[in-house]
Amino acid sequence: MTTKLNFRADGPHAYSNQAQVQQWEATQWLIECVEDDEDAGWSSWVSADFIISTYEPATGEETGKFTSYNPDGQEERLRRISIEERGREVLAACIAGKDPEELMSQWSMDIQEASASPSP
């Protein structure tokens, strides 16, 4: 993926909702997990929930790096990430054959546009 969201004040999503950015990043991480799996492609998955439960997304509390939740043997405490509706929709669309990069780019633009809009 070429689109990258960040929290620093040096990018298009610098002032975006951090929860939305984390959802985007967690979904991106799940997409990479599926695509890196040599034994299974998108057609091997039956649902977004199955992908989420298989990889159990979490971040390290100190490093913020994504990993699968497994509290045993971890050097740092992990915080689970619950994938919200948009992430589930993207994963389901990928399973249905849609291009992950296009879906994620559109979501990225939506986040950017929402951050540029004045709040009520």
N, C-alpha and C. Protein backbone atom coordinates (compact mmCIF):
# COMPACT_ATOMS: atom_id res chain seq x y z
N MET A 1 0.82 -1.17 0.00
CA MET A 1 0.00 0.00 0.00
C MET A 1 0.88 1.25 0.00
N THR A 2 0.48 2.21 -0.74
CA THR A 2 1.23 3.46 -0.79
C THR A 2 0.66 4.51 0.14
N THR A 3 -0.59 4.38 0.54
CA THR A 3 -1.21 5.36 1.42
C THR A 3 -0.81 5.07 2.86
N LYS A 4 -0.36 6.09 3.56
CA LYS A 4 0.04 5.92 4.95
C LYS A 4 -0.57 7.02 5.80
N LEU A 5 -1.24 6.64 6.83
CA LEU A 5 -1.81 7.60 7.76
C LEU A 5 -0.87 7.75 8.94
N ASN A 6 -0.84 8.94 9.52
CA ASN A 6 0.03 9.13 10.67
C ASN A 6 -0.54 10.16 11.63
N PHE A 7 0.05 10.23 12.79
CA PHE A 7 -0.40 11.14 13.83
C PHE A 7 0.47 12.39 13.91
N ARG A 8 1.57 12.42 13.19
CA ARG A 8 2.47 13.56 13.24
C ARG A 8 1.87 14.71 12.44
N ALA A 9 2.35 15.88 12.70
CA ALA A 9 1.84 17.06 12.02
C ALA A 9 2.53 17.27 10.68
N ASP A 10 2.89 16.21 9.99
CA ASP A 10 3.61 16.36 8.73
C ASP A 10 2.95 15.61 7.58
N GLY A 11 1.71 15.23 7.74
CA GLY A 11 1.06 14.48 6.68
C GLY A 11 -0.39 14.87 6.52
N PRO A 12 -1.05 14.32 5.51
CA PRO A 12 -2.43 14.70 5.23
C PRO A 12 -3.41 14.29 6.32
N HIS A 13 -3.03 13.36 7.18
CA HIS A 13 -3.94 12.90 8.24
C HIS A 13 -3.46 13.32 9.63
N ALA A 14 -2.65 14.36 9.66
CA ALA A 14 -2.07 14.79 10.92
C ALA A 14 -3.12 15.16 11.96
N TYR A 15 -4.24 15.68 11.52
CA TYR A 15 -5.28 16.12 12.46
C TYR A 15 -6.52 15.25 12.39
N SER A 16 -6.39 14.06 11.82
CA SER A 16 -7.52 13.15 11.70
C SER A 16 -7.85 12.51 13.05
N ASN A 17 -9.05 12.01 13.14
CA ASN A 17 -9.49 11.29 14.33
C ASN A 17 -8.58 10.08 14.55
N GLN A 18 -7.94 10.04 15.70
CA GLN A 18 -6.97 8.98 15.95
C GLN A 18 -7.60 7.59 15.97
N ALA A 19 -8.84 7.48 16.43
CA ALA A 19 -9.51 6.18 16.44
C ALA A 19 -9.75 5.69 15.01
N GLN A 20 -10.11 6.60 14.10
CA GLN A 20 -10.29 6.22 12.70
C GLN A 20 -8.96 5.80 12.07
N VAL A 21 -7.92 6.53 12.38
CA VAL A 21 -6.61 6.19 11.84
C VAL A 21 -6.17 4.82 12.34
N GLN A 22 -6.39 4.55 13.62
CA GLN A 22 -6.00 3.24 14.15
C GLN A 22 -6.81 2.12 13.50
N GLN A 23 -8.09 2.34 13.25
CA GLN A 23 -8.91 1.34 12.58
C GLN A 23 -8.37 1.07 11.18
N TRP A 24 -8.03 2.16 10.48
CA TRP A 24 -7.46 2.02 9.13
C TRP A 24 -6.17 1.20 9.19
N GLU A 25 -5.29 1.57 10.12
CA GLU A 25 -4.00 0.88 10.23
C GLU A 25 -4.17 -0.59 10.63
N ALA A 26 -5.09 -0.86 11.54
CA ALA A 26 -5.32 -2.25 11.96
C ALA A 26 -5.88 -3.07 10.81
N THR A 27 -6.77 -2.49 10.03
CA THR A 27 -7.32 -3.19 8.87
C THR A 27 -6.23 -3.41 7.83
N GLN A 28 -5.38 -2.42 7.64
CA GLN A 28 -4.24 -2.57 6.73
C GLN A 28 -3.35 -3.73 7.18
N TRP A 29 -3.11 -3.82 8.47
CA TRP A 29 -2.29 -4.89 9.02
C TRP A 29 -2.94 -6.25 8.74
N LEU A 30 -4.26 -6.34 8.93
CA LEU A 30 -4.96 -7.60 8.66
C LEU A 30 -4.87 -7.97 7.17
N ILE A 31 -5.01 -6.99 6.30
CA ILE A 31 -4.87 -7.25 4.86
C ILE A 31 -3.49 -7.80 4.56
N GLU A 32 -2.48 -7.21 5.14
CA GLU A 32 -1.10 -7.69 4.92
C GLU A 32 -0.92 -9.10 5.46
N CYS A 33 -1.55 -9.42 6.60
CA CYS A 33 -1.47 -10.78 7.14
C CYS A 33 -2.05 -11.78 6.15
N VAL A 34 -3.22 -11.46 5.59
CA VAL A 34 -3.86 -12.37 4.63
C VAL A 34 -3.00 -12.49 3.39
N GLU A 35 -2.51 -11.38 2.87
CA GLU A 35 -1.73 -11.42 1.63
C GLU A 35 -0.37 -12.07 1.81
N ASP A 36 0.17 -12.03 3.02
CA ASP A 36 1.46 -12.67 3.29
C ASP A 36 1.35 -14.16 3.55
N ASP A 37 0.14 -14.65 3.76
CA ASP A 37 -0.08 -16.06 4.03
C ASP A 37 0.04 -16.84 2.72
N GLU A 38 1.10 -17.60 2.60
CA GLU A 38 1.36 -18.34 1.36
C GLU A 38 0.39 -19.50 1.15
N ASP A 39 -0.24 -19.95 2.22
CA ASP A 39 -1.12 -21.11 2.13
C ASP A 39 -2.57 -20.75 1.81
N ALA A 40 -2.91 -19.46 1.88
CA ALA A 40 -4.31 -19.08 1.67
C ALA A 40 -4.40 -17.73 0.98
N GLY A 41 -5.33 -17.61 0.07
CA GLY A 41 -5.62 -16.33 -0.57
C GLY A 41 -6.94 -15.81 -0.04
N TRP A 42 -7.40 -14.71 -0.60
CA TRP A 42 -8.65 -14.11 -0.16
C TRP A 42 -9.81 -15.10 -0.26
N SER A 43 -9.81 -15.92 -1.29
CA SER A 43 -10.92 -16.84 -1.49
C SER A 43 -10.99 -17.94 -0.42
N SER A 44 -9.94 -18.08 0.36
CA SER A 44 -9.91 -19.09 1.43
C SER A 44 -10.66 -18.64 2.68
N TRP A 45 -11.00 -17.37 2.74
CA TRP A 45 -11.64 -16.83 3.93
C TRP A 45 -13.15 -16.76 3.73
N VAL A 46 -13.89 -17.08 4.77
CA VAL A 46 -15.35 -17.09 4.66
C VAL A 46 -15.99 -15.81 5.16
N SER A 47 -15.29 -15.06 6.02
CA SER A 47 -15.87 -13.83 6.55
C SER A 47 -14.79 -12.95 7.15
N ALA A 48 -15.14 -11.67 7.31
CA ALA A 48 -14.24 -10.73 7.97
C ALA A 48 -14.00 -11.17 9.41
N ASP A 49 -15.04 -11.66 10.07
CA ASP A 49 -14.90 -12.11 11.46
C ASP A 49 -13.89 -13.24 11.59
N PHE A 50 -13.85 -14.10 10.60
CA PHE A 50 -12.90 -15.22 10.63
C PHE A 50 -11.46 -14.69 10.52
N ILE A 51 -11.23 -13.71 9.68
CA ILE A 51 -9.90 -13.10 9.57
C ILE A 51 -9.52 -12.45 10.90
N ILE A 52 -10.44 -11.68 11.45
CA ILE A 52 -10.18 -10.96 12.70
C ILE A 52 -9.89 -11.93 13.83
N SER A 53 -10.67 -12.99 13.94
CA SER A 53 -10.45 -13.94 15.03
C SER A 53 -9.19 -14.77 14.82
N THR A 54 -8.80 -14.97 13.58
CA THR A 54 -7.58 -15.73 13.30
C THR A 54 -6.33 -14.94 13.70
N TYR A 55 -6.28 -13.68 13.34
CA TYR A 55 -5.08 -12.87 13.60
C TYR A 55 -5.16 -12.06 14.88
N GLU A 56 -6.34 -11.87 15.45
CA GLU A 56 -6.54 -11.16 16.71
C GLU A 56 -5.66 -9.92 16.83
N PRO A 57 -5.99 -8.85 16.12
CA PRO A 57 -5.12 -7.68 16.11
C PRO A 57 -4.96 -7.03 17.49
N ALA A 58 -3.72 -6.64 17.75
CA ALA A 58 -3.38 -5.96 18.99
C ALA A 58 -2.17 -5.07 18.72
N THR A 59 -1.94 -4.16 19.64
CA THR A 59 -0.73 -3.34 19.55
C THR A 59 0.04 -3.46 20.85
N GLY A 60 1.34 -3.31 20.75
CA GLY A 60 2.16 -3.25 21.94
C GLY A 60 1.95 -1.91 22.62
N GLU A 61 1.76 -1.92 23.93
CA GLU A 61 1.48 -0.67 24.63
C GLU A 61 2.64 0.32 24.55
N GLU A 62 3.87 -0.18 24.52
CA GLU A 62 5.03 0.71 24.47
C GLU A 62 5.42 1.07 23.05
N THR A 63 5.44 0.10 22.16
CA THR A 63 5.93 0.33 20.80
C THR A 63 4.84 0.76 19.84
N GLY A 64 3.60 0.37 20.11
CA GLY A 64 2.49 0.68 19.20
C GLY A 64 2.48 -0.20 17.95
N LYS A 65 3.37 -1.19 17.89
CA LYS A 65 3.43 -2.08 16.72
C LYS A 65 2.30 -3.10 16.76
N PHE A 66 1.81 -3.42 15.57
CA PHE A 66 0.73 -4.40 15.45
C PHE A 66 1.29 -5.81 15.56
N THR A 67 0.49 -6.66 16.19
CA THR A 67 0.83 -8.05 16.36
C THR A 67 -0.45 -8.82 16.63
N SER A 68 -0.36 -10.14 16.63
CA SER A 68 -1.51 -10.96 17.03
C SER A 68 -1.53 -11.04 18.55
N TYR A 69 -2.73 -10.97 19.10
CA TYR A 69 -2.86 -10.99 20.55
C TYR A 69 -2.49 -12.37 21.08
N ASN A 70 -1.49 -12.38 21.92
CA ASN A 70 -1.06 -13.58 22.62
C ASN A 70 -0.28 -13.10 23.83
N PRO A 71 -0.95 -12.98 24.97
CA PRO A 71 -0.28 -12.39 26.13
C PRO A 71 0.85 -13.24 26.71
N ASP A 72 0.88 -14.52 26.38
CA ASP A 72 1.93 -15.39 26.91
C ASP A 72 3.21 -15.21 26.10
N GLY A 73 4.29 -14.97 26.79
CA GLY A 73 5.59 -14.88 26.13
C GLY A 73 5.88 -13.56 25.46
N GLN A 74 5.01 -12.57 25.63
CA GLN A 74 5.25 -11.26 25.04
C GLN A 74 6.14 -10.44 25.96
N GLU A 75 7.04 -9.66 25.35
CA GLU A 75 7.92 -8.81 26.14
C GLU A 75 7.22 -7.55 26.63
N GLU A 76 6.17 -7.14 25.95
CA GLU A 76 5.43 -5.96 26.37
C GLU A 76 3.95 -6.29 26.47
N ARG A 77 3.24 -5.48 27.22
CA ARG A 77 1.80 -5.67 27.34
C ARG A 77 1.13 -5.33 26.02
N LEU A 78 0.10 -6.09 25.70
CA LEU A 78 -0.62 -5.90 24.44
C LEU A 78 -2.01 -5.34 24.72
N ARG A 79 -2.47 -4.54 23.79
CA ARG A 79 -3.82 -3.99 23.85
C ARG A 79 -4.57 -4.45 22.62
N ARG A 80 -5.65 -5.20 22.82
CA ARG A 80 -6.45 -5.71 21.70
C ARG A 80 -7.12 -4.56 20.96
N ILE A 81 -7.34 -4.79 19.67
CA ILE A 81 -8.03 -3.81 18.84
C ILE A 81 -9.29 -4.46 18.31
N SER A 82 -10.40 -3.81 18.54
CA SER A 82 -11.68 -4.28 18.02
C SER A 82 -11.88 -3.62 16.66
N ILE A 83 -12.08 -4.43 15.64
CA ILE A 83 -12.28 -3.90 14.29
C ILE A 83 -13.73 -3.47 14.14
N GLU A 84 -13.90 -2.21 13.78
CA GLU A 84 -15.23 -1.62 13.66
C GLU A 84 -15.85 -1.92 12.29
N GLU A 85 -17.02 -1.34 12.05
CA GLU A 85 -17.82 -1.62 10.86
C GLU A 85 -17.07 -1.38 9.55
N ARG A 86 -16.41 -0.24 9.40
CA ARG A 86 -15.74 0.05 8.12
C ARG A 86 -14.65 -0.97 7.83
N GLY A 87 -13.88 -1.34 8.83
CA GLY A 87 -12.85 -2.35 8.64
C GLY A 87 -13.43 -3.70 8.24
N ARG A 88 -14.52 -4.07 8.85
CA ARG A 88 -15.19 -5.33 8.50
C ARG A 88 -15.72 -5.29 7.07
N GLU A 89 -16.26 -4.13 6.69
CA GLU A 89 -16.76 -3.98 5.31
C GLU A 89 -15.62 -4.12 4.30
N VAL A 90 -14.49 -3.52 4.60
CA VAL A 90 -13.34 -3.61 3.69
C VAL A 90 -12.87 -5.05 3.58
N LEU A 91 -12.74 -5.74 4.70
CA LEU A 91 -12.29 -7.14 4.66
C LEU A 91 -13.28 -8.01 3.89
N ALA A 92 -14.57 -7.79 4.11
CA ALA A 92 -15.59 -8.57 3.39
C ALA A 92 -15.52 -8.29 1.89
N ALA A 93 -15.28 -7.05 1.51
CA ALA A 93 -15.16 -6.70 0.09
C ALA A 93 -13.92 -7.35 -0.52
N CYS A 94 -12.84 -7.42 0.24
CA CYS A 94 -11.63 -8.10 -0.26
C CYS A 94 -11.91 -9.59 -0.50
N ILE A 95 -12.62 -10.21 0.43
CA ILE A 95 -12.98 -11.62 0.26
C ILE A 95 -13.82 -11.79 -1.00
N ALA A 96 -14.68 -10.81 -1.29
CA ALA A 96 -15.56 -10.86 -2.46
C ALA A 96 -14.83 -10.53 -3.76
N GLY A 97 -13.54 -10.20 -3.67
CA GLY A 97 -12.75 -9.99 -4.87
C GLY A 97 -12.39 -8.54 -5.19
N LYS A 98 -12.76 -7.61 -4.34
CA LYS A 98 -12.41 -6.20 -4.57
C LYS A 98 -10.92 -5.98 -4.29
N ASP A 99 -10.36 -4.95 -4.91
CA ASP A 99 -8.95 -4.62 -4.75
C ASP A 99 -8.70 -3.96 -3.39
N PRO A 100 -7.91 -4.58 -2.51
CA PRO A 100 -7.65 -4.00 -1.19
C PRO A 100 -7.04 -2.59 -1.27
N GLU A 101 -6.16 -2.37 -2.20
CA GLU A 101 -5.50 -1.07 -2.29
C GLU A 101 -6.51 0.04 -2.61
N GLU A 102 -7.42 -0.24 -3.53
CA GLU A 102 -8.45 0.76 -3.86
C GLU A 102 -9.36 1.03 -2.67
N LEU A 103 -9.77 -0.02 -1.98
CA LEU A 103 -10.64 0.13 -0.82
C LEU A 103 -9.97 0.95 0.28
N MET A 104 -8.71 0.65 0.54
CA MET A 104 -7.98 1.36 1.58
C MET A 104 -7.69 2.80 1.18
N SER A 105 -7.41 3.02 -0.08
CA SER A 105 -7.17 4.40 -0.55
C SER A 105 -8.43 5.24 -0.40
N GLN A 106 -9.59 4.66 -0.73
CA GLN A 106 -10.85 5.39 -0.59
C GLN A 106 -11.11 5.71 0.88
N TRP A 107 -10.87 4.75 1.74
CA TRP A 107 -11.07 4.96 3.17
C TRP A 107 -10.13 6.05 3.67
N SER A 108 -8.90 6.02 3.20
CA SER A 108 -7.92 7.04 3.57
C SER A 108 -8.41 8.44 3.17
N MET A 109 -8.92 8.55 1.95
CA MET A 109 -9.45 9.84 1.49
C MET A 109 -10.63 10.28 2.33
N ASP A 110 -11.50 9.33 2.70
CA ASP A 110 -12.65 9.66 3.54
C ASP A 110 -12.20 10.20 4.90
N ILE A 111 -11.18 9.60 5.47
CA ILE A 111 -10.65 10.06 6.75
C ILE A 111 -10.08 11.46 6.61
N GLN A 112 -9.34 11.66 5.53
CA GLN A 112 -8.74 12.97 5.29
C GLN A 112 -9.82 14.03 5.10
N GLU A 113 -10.84 13.73 4.32
CA GLU A 113 -11.93 14.69 4.08
C GLU A 113 -12.69 14.99 5.38
N ALA A 114 -12.90 13.98 6.20
CA ALA A 114 -13.59 14.21 7.48
C ALA A 114 -12.78 15.11 8.40
N SER A 115 -11.45 14.98 8.34
CA SER A 115 -10.63 15.82 9.21
C SER A 115 -10.56 17.25 8.71
N ALA A 116 -10.82 17.45 7.41
CA ALA A 116 -10.78 18.80 6.82
C ALA A 116 -12.11 19.52 6.98
N SER A 117 -13.16 18.76 7.30
CA SER A 117 -14.50 19.36 7.45
C SER A 117 -14.64 19.96 8.84
N PRO A 118 -15.28 21.09 8.94
CA PRO A 118 -15.49 21.68 10.27
C PRO A 118 -16.43 20.82 11.10
N SER A 119 -16.13 20.74 12.38
CA SER A 119 -16.98 19.96 13.30
C SER A 119 -18.19 20.79 13.67
N PRO A 120 -19.36 20.14 13.85
CA PRO A 120 -20.56 20.88 14.23
C PRO A 120 -20.47 21.40 15.65
